[in-house]
Amino acid sequence: MTKAASVWNVFQDWRANRANPKGRLVMICFRIMHLLRQSTVTFILFLPLFVTYRILVEWVLCIELPWKTRIGPGFRIDHGQSLVINDHTVFGAGCSVRSCTTIGNKRLPDGSASGSPRFGDRVEVGSNAVIIGPIIIGDDALIGAGAVVVKDVPANHLALGNPARVTPRAAPLA
């Protein structure tokens, strides 16, 4: 990756968060930290910056978005508050997450942690949703507000309720 491509990579979520300065700030900080953490040397050199990221994003802005998380371009944070995303979660391109959402793993009976969710492209997650476990959320899926999702959601489907019931969308997204 060229230096110019790396700089552009930092702003890949700018348009997706155009009406949301907080979302823009969080995603630029996230992209910079994600870029710097690729090497042990840069991680050590920029350790104070990583600590500042944790304090600013997690403690001040209340968004737990670890720099190790893999997120595709065009990620949108709507009303980012009380957002918790596990560092092993993977998002595709054009995904959107709303406030008070928890995405991560679950504790297994033997005390170990399960895998984390993997999201396809253009997935929308409503506020207060809980998505946990080694599940796959397909492209163009919609997770409703307050849904508790612990099973796979196929592409072009809705997951609504607690526990989430999965139904086809009326019309697939273009």
N, C-alpha and C. Protein backbone atom coordinates (compact mmCIF):
# COMPACT_ATOMS: atom_id res chain seq x y z
N MET A 1 0.85 -1.18 0.00
CA MET A 1 0.00 0.00 0.00
C MET A 1 0.89 1.24 0.00
N THR A 2 0.58 2.15 -0.87
CA THR A 2 1.38 3.37 -0.95
C THR A 2 1.00 4.32 0.17
N LYS A 3 1.86 5.30 0.38
CA LYS A 3 1.60 6.28 1.43
C LYS A 3 0.31 7.05 1.16
N ALA A 4 0.08 7.43 -0.10
CA ALA A 4 -1.16 8.15 -0.46
C ALA A 4 -2.38 7.28 -0.19
N ALA A 5 -2.30 5.98 -0.51
CA ALA A 5 -3.42 5.08 -0.26
C ALA A 5 -3.68 4.94 1.24
N SER A 6 -2.62 4.94 2.06
CA SER A 6 -2.78 4.86 3.51
C SER A 6 -3.50 6.08 4.06
N VAL A 7 -3.13 7.26 3.55
CA VAL A 7 -3.78 8.48 4.01
C VAL A 7 -5.25 8.48 3.60
N TRP A 8 -5.53 8.09 2.36
CA TRP A 8 -6.93 8.02 1.91
C TRP A 8 -7.70 7.01 2.76
N ASN A 9 -7.07 5.91 3.13
CA ASN A 9 -7.69 4.88 3.94
C ASN A 9 -8.22 5.45 5.26
N VAL A 10 -7.54 6.43 5.82
CA VAL A 10 -7.95 7.05 7.07
C VAL A 10 -9.30 7.77 6.91
N PHE A 11 -9.58 8.29 5.72
CA PHE A 11 -10.81 9.04 5.47
C PHE A 11 -11.88 8.23 4.74
N GLN A 12 -11.76 6.91 4.70
CA GLN A 12 -12.71 6.11 3.95
C GLN A 12 -14.13 6.10 4.52
N ASP A 13 -14.32 6.55 5.74
CA ASP A 13 -15.65 6.58 6.35
C ASP A 13 -16.22 8.00 6.41
N TRP A 14 -15.50 8.97 5.85
CA TRP A 14 -15.87 10.38 5.94
C TRP A 14 -17.26 10.64 5.39
N ARG A 15 -17.55 10.17 4.18
CA ARG A 15 -18.86 10.41 3.56
C ARG A 15 -19.98 9.68 4.28
N ALA A 16 -19.72 8.49 4.77
CA ALA A 16 -20.75 7.72 5.47
C ALA A 16 -21.20 8.42 6.75
N ASN A 17 -20.32 9.22 7.35
CA ASN A 17 -20.63 9.92 8.59
C ASN A 17 -20.76 11.43 8.38
N ARG A 18 -21.16 11.84 7.19
CA ARG A 18 -21.16 13.26 6.83
C ARG A 18 -22.03 14.13 7.73
N ALA A 19 -23.09 13.61 8.28
CA ALA A 19 -23.95 14.40 9.16
C ALA A 19 -23.62 14.18 10.63
N ASN A 20 -22.52 13.51 10.90
CA ASN A 20 -22.20 13.09 12.26
C ASN A 20 -20.74 13.37 12.59
N PRO A 21 -20.44 14.54 13.16
CA PRO A 21 -19.04 14.86 13.48
C PRO A 21 -18.40 13.88 14.46
N LYS A 22 -19.19 13.38 15.41
CA LYS A 22 -18.65 12.41 16.37
C LYS A 22 -18.25 11.12 15.66
N GLY A 23 -19.09 10.66 14.75
CA GLY A 23 -18.77 9.46 13.97
C GLY A 23 -17.52 9.65 13.13
N ARG A 24 -17.37 10.84 12.54
CA ARG A 24 -16.18 11.14 11.75
C ARG A 24 -14.92 11.10 12.63
N LEU A 25 -15.00 11.76 13.79
CA LEU A 25 -13.85 11.79 14.70
C LEU A 25 -13.46 10.39 15.14
N VAL A 26 -14.43 9.60 15.56
CA VAL A 26 -14.14 8.24 16.04
C VAL A 26 -13.53 7.40 14.93
N MET A 27 -14.08 7.47 13.73
CA MET A 27 -13.59 6.62 12.65
C MET A 27 -12.21 7.05 12.15
N ILE A 28 -11.93 8.35 12.13
CA ILE A 28 -10.58 8.79 11.75
C ILE A 28 -9.57 8.31 12.79
N CYS A 29 -9.90 8.48 14.07
CA CYS A 29 -9.01 8.00 15.13
C CYS A 29 -8.82 6.49 15.03
N PHE A 30 -9.92 5.76 14.81
CA PHE A 30 -9.85 4.30 14.67
C PHE A 30 -8.94 3.91 13.51
N ARG A 31 -9.13 4.53 12.34
CA ARG A 31 -8.35 4.17 11.16
C ARG A 31 -6.86 4.46 11.37
N ILE A 32 -6.53 5.54 12.04
CA ILE A 32 -5.12 5.86 12.32
C ILE A 32 -4.53 4.80 13.26
N MET A 33 -5.24 4.47 14.31
CA MET A 33 -4.74 3.46 15.26
C MET A 33 -4.64 2.09 14.59
N HIS A 34 -5.62 1.76 13.77
CA HIS A 34 -5.60 0.47 13.06
C HIS A 34 -4.37 0.39 12.14
N LEU A 35 -4.05 1.48 11.50
CA LEU A 35 -2.88 1.54 10.63
C LEU A 35 -1.59 1.40 11.43
N LEU A 36 -1.48 2.11 12.55
CA LEU A 36 -0.26 2.10 13.36
C LEU A 36 -0.04 0.78 14.09
N ARG A 37 -1.09 0.04 14.37
CA ARG A 37 -0.93 -1.19 15.14
C ARG A 37 -0.44 -2.36 14.30
N GLN A 38 -0.29 -2.17 13.00
CA GLN A 38 0.14 -3.24 12.11
C GLN A 38 1.55 -3.75 12.42
N SER A 39 2.36 -2.92 13.04
CA SER A 39 3.74 -3.29 13.34
C SER A 39 4.01 -3.10 14.83
N THR A 40 4.78 -4.01 15.40
CA THR A 40 5.15 -3.90 16.82
C THR A 40 5.96 -2.64 17.07
N VAL A 41 6.81 -2.29 16.12
CA VAL A 41 7.65 -1.10 16.27
C VAL A 41 6.79 0.16 16.35
N THR A 42 5.86 0.32 15.42
CA THR A 42 5.01 1.52 15.46
C THR A 42 4.10 1.51 16.68
N PHE A 43 3.67 0.33 17.11
CA PHE A 43 2.84 0.26 18.31
C PHE A 43 3.62 0.79 19.52
N ILE A 44 4.86 0.36 19.66
CA ILE A 44 5.69 0.81 20.79
C ILE A 44 6.00 2.30 20.68
N LEU A 45 6.35 2.75 19.47
CA LEU A 45 6.67 4.17 19.27
C LEU A 45 5.48 5.08 19.56
N PHE A 46 4.30 4.63 19.23
CA PHE A 46 3.11 5.46 19.38
C PHE A 46 2.22 5.04 20.55
N LEU A 47 2.79 4.34 21.53
CA LEU A 47 2.03 3.88 22.68
C LEU A 47 1.24 5.00 23.37
N PRO A 48 1.83 6.19 23.57
CA PRO A 48 1.04 7.27 24.18
C PRO A 48 -0.20 7.64 23.33
N LEU A 49 -0.07 7.53 22.03
CA LEU A 49 -1.20 7.81 21.15
C LEU A 49 -2.30 6.76 21.31
N PHE A 50 -1.90 5.50 21.48
CA PHE A 50 -2.87 4.43 21.71
C PHE A 50 -3.60 4.63 23.04
N VAL A 51 -2.88 5.06 24.05
CA VAL A 51 -3.50 5.34 25.35
C VAL A 51 -4.48 6.51 25.22
N THR A 52 -4.07 7.54 24.49
CA THR A 52 -4.95 8.70 24.26
C THR A 52 -6.22 8.27 23.52
N TYR A 53 -6.08 7.39 22.53
CA TYR A 53 -7.23 6.87 21.80
C TYR A 53 -8.21 6.20 22.77
N ARG A 54 -7.68 5.34 23.63
CA ARG A 54 -8.54 4.63 24.59
C ARG A 54 -9.28 5.62 25.49
N ILE A 55 -8.58 6.62 25.98
CA ILE A 55 -9.20 7.59 26.88
C ILE A 55 -10.25 8.42 26.14
N LEU A 56 -9.89 8.93 24.98
CA LEU A 56 -10.82 9.79 24.22
C LEU A 56 -12.03 9.01 23.71
N VAL A 57 -11.81 7.92 22.99
CA VAL A 57 -12.91 7.21 22.36
C VAL A 57 -13.73 6.41 23.36
N GLU A 58 -13.07 5.66 24.24
CA GLU A 58 -13.81 4.81 25.17
C GLU A 58 -14.35 5.57 26.38
N TRP A 59 -13.53 6.34 27.04
CA TRP A 59 -13.96 6.98 28.27
C TRP A 59 -14.75 8.25 28.04
N VAL A 60 -14.30 9.08 27.11
CA VAL A 60 -14.98 10.36 26.88
C VAL A 60 -16.18 10.20 25.94
N LEU A 61 -15.98 9.53 24.82
CA LEU A 61 -17.06 9.40 23.84
C LEU A 61 -17.92 8.16 24.03
N CYS A 62 -17.54 7.27 24.94
CA CYS A 62 -18.32 6.07 25.30
C CYS A 62 -18.54 5.12 24.13
N ILE A 63 -17.52 4.93 23.31
CA ILE A 63 -17.59 3.99 22.20
C ILE A 63 -16.40 3.05 22.32
N GLU A 64 -16.67 1.79 22.60
CA GLU A 64 -15.60 0.81 22.73
C GLU A 64 -15.38 0.16 21.37
N LEU A 65 -14.40 0.67 20.65
CA LEU A 65 -14.07 0.21 19.31
C LEU A 65 -12.57 -0.06 19.24
N PRO A 66 -12.15 -1.28 19.62
CA PRO A 66 -10.72 -1.58 19.65
C PRO A 66 -10.07 -1.44 18.28
N TRP A 67 -8.83 -0.98 18.26
CA TRP A 67 -8.12 -0.74 17.01
C TRP A 67 -7.82 -2.02 16.26
N LYS A 68 -7.96 -3.19 16.88
CA LYS A 68 -7.73 -4.46 16.19
C LYS A 68 -8.93 -4.92 15.37
N THR A 69 -10.09 -4.34 15.60
CA THR A 69 -11.31 -4.73 14.89
C THR A 69 -11.13 -4.52 13.39
N ARG A 70 -11.63 -5.46 12.59
CA ARG A 70 -11.54 -5.32 11.12
C ARG A 70 -12.85 -4.74 10.60
N ILE A 71 -12.76 -3.58 9.99
CA ILE A 71 -13.95 -2.87 9.51
C ILE A 71 -13.73 -2.44 8.07
N GLY A 72 -14.69 -2.77 7.21
CA GLY A 72 -14.63 -2.38 5.81
C GLY A 72 -14.88 -0.89 5.64
N PRO A 73 -14.70 -0.38 4.43
CA PRO A 73 -14.89 1.05 4.18
C PRO A 73 -16.35 1.47 4.30
N GLY A 74 -16.56 2.75 4.59
CA GLY A 74 -17.91 3.30 4.66
C GLY A 74 -18.67 2.93 5.92
N PHE A 75 -17.96 2.66 7.01
CA PHE A 75 -18.61 2.30 8.28
C PHE A 75 -19.26 3.53 8.89
N ARG A 76 -20.52 3.42 9.29
CA ARG A 76 -21.25 4.56 9.84
C ARG A 76 -21.66 4.27 11.29
N ILE A 77 -21.39 5.26 12.14
CA ILE A 77 -21.83 5.21 13.53
C ILE A 77 -22.94 6.23 13.69
N ASP A 78 -24.15 5.77 13.92
CA ASP A 78 -25.28 6.67 14.13
C ASP A 78 -25.52 6.83 15.62
N HIS A 79 -25.53 8.05 16.09
CA HIS A 79 -25.81 8.34 17.51
C HIS A 79 -24.92 7.52 18.42
N GLY A 80 -23.63 7.52 18.14
CA GLY A 80 -22.69 6.70 18.89
C GLY A 80 -22.65 7.02 20.37
N GLN A 81 -23.18 6.16 21.16
CA GLN A 81 -23.15 6.27 22.61
C GLN A 81 -23.35 4.86 23.14
N SER A 82 -22.57 4.47 24.13
CA SER A 82 -22.69 3.13 24.72
C SER A 82 -22.57 2.03 23.68
N LEU A 83 -21.66 2.18 22.77
CA LEU A 83 -21.43 1.19 21.72
C LEU A 83 -20.25 0.32 22.12
N VAL A 84 -20.44 -1.01 22.11
CA VAL A 84 -19.39 -1.95 22.48
C VAL A 84 -19.21 -2.95 21.35
N ILE A 85 -17.99 -2.98 20.79
CA ILE A 85 -17.69 -3.91 19.70
C ILE A 85 -16.43 -4.68 20.07
N ASN A 86 -16.52 -6.01 20.04
CA ASN A 86 -15.39 -6.87 20.36
C ASN A 86 -14.31 -6.75 19.29
N ASP A 87 -13.05 -6.86 19.69
CA ASP A 87 -11.95 -6.67 18.75
C ASP A 87 -11.81 -7.78 17.71
N HIS A 88 -12.50 -8.90 17.86
CA HIS A 88 -12.44 -9.97 16.86
C HIS A 88 -13.61 -9.93 15.89
N THR A 89 -14.47 -8.93 16.01
CA THR A 89 -15.59 -8.76 15.11
C THR A 89 -15.07 -8.29 13.76
N VAL A 90 -15.74 -8.71 12.68
CA VAL A 90 -15.36 -8.32 11.33
C VAL A 90 -16.59 -7.72 10.64
N PHE A 91 -16.43 -6.51 10.08
CA PHE A 91 -17.50 -5.85 9.34
C PHE A 91 -17.12 -5.74 7.88
N GLY A 92 -18.11 -5.91 7.01
CA GLY A 92 -17.92 -5.68 5.59
C GLY A 92 -18.03 -4.20 5.28
N ALA A 93 -18.18 -3.87 4.01
CA ALA A 93 -18.27 -2.48 3.58
C ALA A 93 -19.67 -1.93 3.77
N GLY A 94 -19.74 -0.64 4.08
CA GLY A 94 -21.02 0.06 4.13
C GLY A 94 -21.93 -0.32 5.28
N CYS A 95 -21.41 -0.81 6.37
CA CYS A 95 -22.24 -1.19 7.52
C CYS A 95 -22.56 0.02 8.38
N SER A 96 -23.65 -0.09 9.13
CA SER A 96 -24.10 0.99 10.01
C SER A 96 -24.48 0.42 11.36
N VAL A 97 -24.02 1.06 12.43
CA VAL A 97 -24.31 0.61 13.79
C VAL A 97 -24.86 1.79 14.58
N ARG A 98 -25.91 1.55 15.35
CA ARG A 98 -26.53 2.61 16.15
C ARG A 98 -26.21 2.46 17.63
N SER A 99 -26.67 3.40 18.41
CA SER A 99 -26.31 3.52 19.83
C SER A 99 -26.72 2.32 20.68
N CYS A 100 -26.04 2.20 21.81
CA CYS A 100 -26.33 1.19 22.84
C CYS A 100 -26.31 -0.24 22.30
N THR A 101 -25.43 -0.51 21.38
CA THR A 101 -25.34 -1.83 20.76
C THR A 101 -24.13 -2.58 21.31
N THR A 102 -24.31 -3.88 21.53
CA THR A 102 -23.22 -4.73 21.99
C THR A 102 -23.00 -5.81 20.95
N ILE A 103 -21.76 -5.91 20.48
CA ILE A 103 -21.39 -6.91 19.48
C ILE A 103 -20.13 -7.60 19.99
N GLY A 104 -20.22 -8.93 20.19
CA GLY A 104 -19.03 -9.60 20.69
C GLY A 104 -19.18 -11.09 20.85
N ASN A 105 -18.39 -11.63 21.76
CA ASN A 105 -18.39 -13.07 21.99
C ASN A 105 -19.18 -13.40 23.25
N LYS A 106 -19.32 -14.69 23.51
CA LYS A 106 -19.98 -15.11 24.74
C LYS A 106 -19.10 -16.10 25.48
N ARG A 107 -19.29 -16.18 26.75
CA ARG A 107 -18.51 -17.07 27.60
C ARG A 107 -19.06 -18.49 27.45
N LEU A 108 -18.19 -19.43 27.13
CA LEU A 108 -18.58 -20.83 26.95
C LEU A 108 -18.55 -21.55 28.30
N PRO A 109 -19.22 -22.70 28.41
CA PRO A 109 -19.25 -23.43 29.70
C PRO A 109 -17.88 -23.75 30.27
N ASP A 110 -16.88 -23.95 29.41
CA ASP A 110 -15.54 -24.26 29.92
C ASP A 110 -14.76 -23.02 30.34
N GLY A 111 -15.39 -21.84 30.24
CA GLY A 111 -14.75 -20.60 30.67
C GLY A 111 -14.05 -19.84 29.56
N SER A 112 -13.90 -20.46 28.40
CA SER A 112 -13.26 -19.77 27.28
C SER A 112 -14.28 -18.88 26.55
N ALA A 113 -13.79 -18.07 25.66
CA ALA A 113 -14.67 -17.17 24.91
C ALA A 113 -14.94 -17.75 23.52
N SER A 114 -16.16 -17.55 23.04
CA SER A 114 -16.51 -17.99 21.69
C SER A 114 -15.93 -17.02 20.68
N GLY A 115 -16.16 -17.31 19.41
CA GLY A 115 -15.78 -16.38 18.36
C GLY A 115 -16.73 -15.18 18.37
N SER A 116 -16.45 -14.21 17.53
CA SER A 116 -17.27 -13.00 17.42
C SER A 116 -17.98 -12.98 16.08
N PRO A 117 -19.02 -12.16 15.96
CA PRO A 117 -19.78 -12.10 14.71
C PRO A 117 -18.96 -11.58 13.53
N ARG A 118 -19.39 -12.02 12.34
CA ARG A 118 -18.83 -11.56 11.07
C ARG A 118 -19.99 -10.99 10.27
N PHE A 119 -19.85 -9.76 9.84
CA PHE A 119 -20.90 -9.06 9.11
C PHE A 119 -20.55 -8.97 7.63
N GLY A 120 -21.56 -9.14 6.78
CA GLY A 120 -21.38 -8.93 5.35
C GLY A 120 -21.40 -7.45 5.04
N ASP A 121 -21.64 -7.12 3.80
CA ASP A 121 -21.69 -5.73 3.36
C ASP A 121 -23.08 -5.13 3.56
N ARG A 122 -23.12 -3.84 3.82
CA ARG A 122 -24.36 -3.05 3.93
C ARG A 122 -25.33 -3.58 4.99
N VAL A 123 -24.82 -4.03 6.10
CA VAL A 123 -25.66 -4.49 7.21
C VAL A 123 -25.99 -3.30 8.09
N GLU A 124 -27.25 -3.19 8.49
CA GLU A 124 -27.67 -2.12 9.39
C GLU A 124 -28.06 -2.74 10.72
N VAL A 125 -27.55 -2.16 11.79
CA VAL A 125 -27.82 -2.65 13.15
C VAL A 125 -28.56 -1.55 13.90
N GLY A 126 -29.75 -1.87 14.39
CA GLY A 126 -30.55 -0.91 15.14
C GLY A 126 -30.03 -0.71 16.55
N SER A 127 -30.51 0.33 17.20
CA SER A 127 -30.05 0.64 18.56
C SER A 127 -30.50 -0.43 19.55
N ASN A 128 -29.73 -0.58 20.60
CA ASN A 128 -29.98 -1.54 21.68
C ASN A 128 -29.94 -3.00 21.22
N ALA A 129 -29.33 -3.27 20.09
CA ALA A 129 -29.21 -4.65 19.62
C ALA A 129 -28.06 -5.34 20.35
N VAL A 130 -28.18 -6.64 20.52
CA VAL A 130 -27.13 -7.46 21.10
C VAL A 130 -26.85 -8.59 20.10
N ILE A 131 -25.63 -8.66 19.62
CA ILE A 131 -25.25 -9.66 18.63
C ILE A 131 -24.01 -10.36 19.17
N ILE A 132 -24.15 -11.62 19.57
CA ILE A 132 -23.03 -12.30 20.20
C ILE A 132 -22.84 -13.70 19.65
N GLY A 133 -21.59 -14.14 19.70
CA GLY A 133 -21.24 -15.49 19.30
C GLY A 133 -20.63 -15.55 17.93
N PRO A 134 -20.17 -16.73 17.54
CA PRO A 134 -19.51 -16.90 16.24
C PRO A 134 -20.54 -17.05 15.12
N ILE A 135 -21.26 -16.00 14.85
CA ILE A 135 -22.34 -16.05 13.87
C ILE A 135 -22.00 -15.21 12.65
N ILE A 136 -22.73 -15.44 11.57
CA ILE A 136 -22.52 -14.70 10.33
C ILE A 136 -23.80 -13.94 10.01
N ILE A 137 -23.65 -12.66 9.78
CA ILE A 137 -24.76 -11.80 9.36
C ILE A 137 -24.52 -11.51 7.88
N GLY A 138 -25.43 -11.94 7.01
CA GLY A 138 -25.26 -11.83 5.57
C GLY A 138 -25.38 -10.42 5.04
N ASP A 139 -25.01 -10.24 3.78
CA ASP A 139 -25.11 -8.95 3.10
C ASP A 139 -26.54 -8.41 3.15
N ASP A 140 -26.67 -7.11 3.27
CA ASP A 140 -27.95 -6.40 3.24
C ASP A 140 -28.93 -6.86 4.31
N ALA A 141 -28.44 -7.43 5.40
CA ALA A 141 -29.31 -7.83 6.50
C ALA A 141 -29.64 -6.60 7.35
N LEU A 142 -30.74 -6.69 8.06
CA LEU A 142 -31.15 -5.61 8.96
C LEU A 142 -31.41 -6.22 10.32
N ILE A 143 -30.71 -5.72 11.33
CA ILE A 143 -30.91 -6.15 12.71
C ILE A 143 -31.75 -5.07 13.38
N GLY A 144 -32.94 -5.43 13.83
CA GLY A 144 -33.86 -4.45 14.39
C GLY A 144 -33.42 -3.95 15.76
N ALA A 145 -33.99 -2.83 16.14
CA ALA A 145 -33.71 -2.23 17.45
C ALA A 145 -34.13 -3.21 18.54
N GLY A 146 -33.26 -3.41 19.51
CA GLY A 146 -33.56 -4.28 20.64
C GLY A 146 -33.46 -5.77 20.35
N ALA A 147 -33.03 -6.14 19.16
CA ALA A 147 -32.93 -7.56 18.82
C ALA A 147 -31.77 -8.21 19.56
N VAL A 148 -31.95 -9.46 19.95
CA VAL A 148 -30.89 -10.26 20.56
C VAL A 148 -30.60 -11.39 19.58
N VAL A 149 -29.47 -11.29 18.89
CA VAL A 149 -29.14 -12.21 17.81
C VAL A 149 -28.02 -13.15 18.25
N VAL A 150 -28.31 -14.45 18.26
CA VAL A 150 -27.31 -15.45 18.62
C VAL A 150 -27.19 -16.54 17.56
N LYS A 151 -27.91 -16.37 16.43
CA LYS A 151 -27.86 -17.32 15.32
C LYS A 151 -27.62 -16.56 14.02
N ASP A 152 -27.12 -17.27 13.02
CA ASP A 152 -26.84 -16.66 11.73
C ASP A 152 -28.08 -15.97 11.15
N VAL A 153 -27.83 -14.88 10.42
CA VAL A 153 -28.88 -14.16 9.70
C VAL A 153 -28.47 -14.18 8.23
N PRO A 154 -29.28 -14.85 7.36
CA PRO A 154 -28.91 -14.90 5.93
C PRO A 154 -28.97 -13.53 5.28
N ALA A 155 -28.38 -13.42 4.11
CA ALA A 155 -28.41 -12.18 3.33
C ALA A 155 -29.85 -11.78 3.04
N ASN A 156 -30.11 -10.48 3.01
CA ASN A 156 -31.43 -9.91 2.71
C ASN A 156 -32.52 -10.38 3.66
N HIS A 157 -32.19 -10.55 4.93
CA HIS A 157 -33.16 -10.94 5.94
C HIS A 157 -33.19 -9.92 7.07
N LEU A 158 -34.27 -9.95 7.84
CA LEU A 158 -34.43 -9.12 9.02
C LEU A 158 -34.29 -10.00 10.25
N ALA A 159 -33.71 -9.47 11.31
CA ALA A 159 -33.67 -10.16 12.61
C ALA A 159 -34.33 -9.21 13.60
N LEU A 160 -35.47 -9.63 14.13
CA LEU A 160 -36.26 -8.76 15.00
C LEU A 160 -36.65 -9.49 16.27
N GLY A 161 -36.63 -8.79 17.40
CA GLY A 161 -37.14 -9.32 18.66
C GLY A 161 -36.09 -9.94 19.54
N ASN A 162 -36.58 -10.46 20.68
CA ASN A 162 -35.74 -11.10 21.68
C ASN A 162 -36.40 -12.39 22.14
N PRO A 163 -35.87 -13.54 21.76
CA PRO A 163 -34.75 -13.76 20.85
C PRO A 163 -35.15 -13.40 19.42
N ALA A 164 -34.17 -13.08 18.62
CA ALA A 164 -34.43 -12.60 17.26
C ALA A 164 -35.08 -13.68 16.40
N ARG A 165 -36.13 -13.26 15.71
CA ARG A 165 -36.76 -14.10 14.69
C ARG A 165 -36.28 -13.58 13.35
N VAL A 166 -35.88 -14.48 12.48
CA VAL A 166 -35.33 -14.10 11.19
C VAL A 166 -36.39 -14.28 10.11
N THR A 167 -36.64 -13.21 9.35
CA THR A 167 -37.62 -13.25 8.26
C THR A 167 -37.01 -12.59 7.02
N PRO A 168 -37.46 -12.98 5.82
CA PRO A 168 -36.95 -12.32 4.61
C PRO A 168 -37.38 -10.86 4.57
N ARG A 169 -36.55 -10.03 3.96
CA ARG A 169 -36.91 -8.64 3.73
C ARG A 169 -37.96 -8.60 2.63
N ALA A 170 -38.80 -7.57 2.65
CA ALA A 170 -39.85 -7.43 1.63
C ALA A 170 -39.23 -7.31 0.25
N ALA A 171 -38.18 -6.52 0.12
CA ALA A 171 -37.50 -6.36 -1.16
C ALA A 171 -36.00 -6.20 -0.90
N PRO A 172 -35.18 -6.95 -1.64
CA PRO A 172 -33.73 -6.82 -1.43
C PRO A 172 -33.25 -5.42 -1.77
N LEU A 173 -32.20 -4.99 -1.11
CA LEU A 173 -31.61 -3.69 -1.39
C LEU A 173 -30.87 -3.75 -2.72
N ALA A 174 -30.82 -2.62 -3.40
CA ALA A 174 -30.11 -2.57 -4.68
C ALA A 174 -28.62 -2.50 -4.46
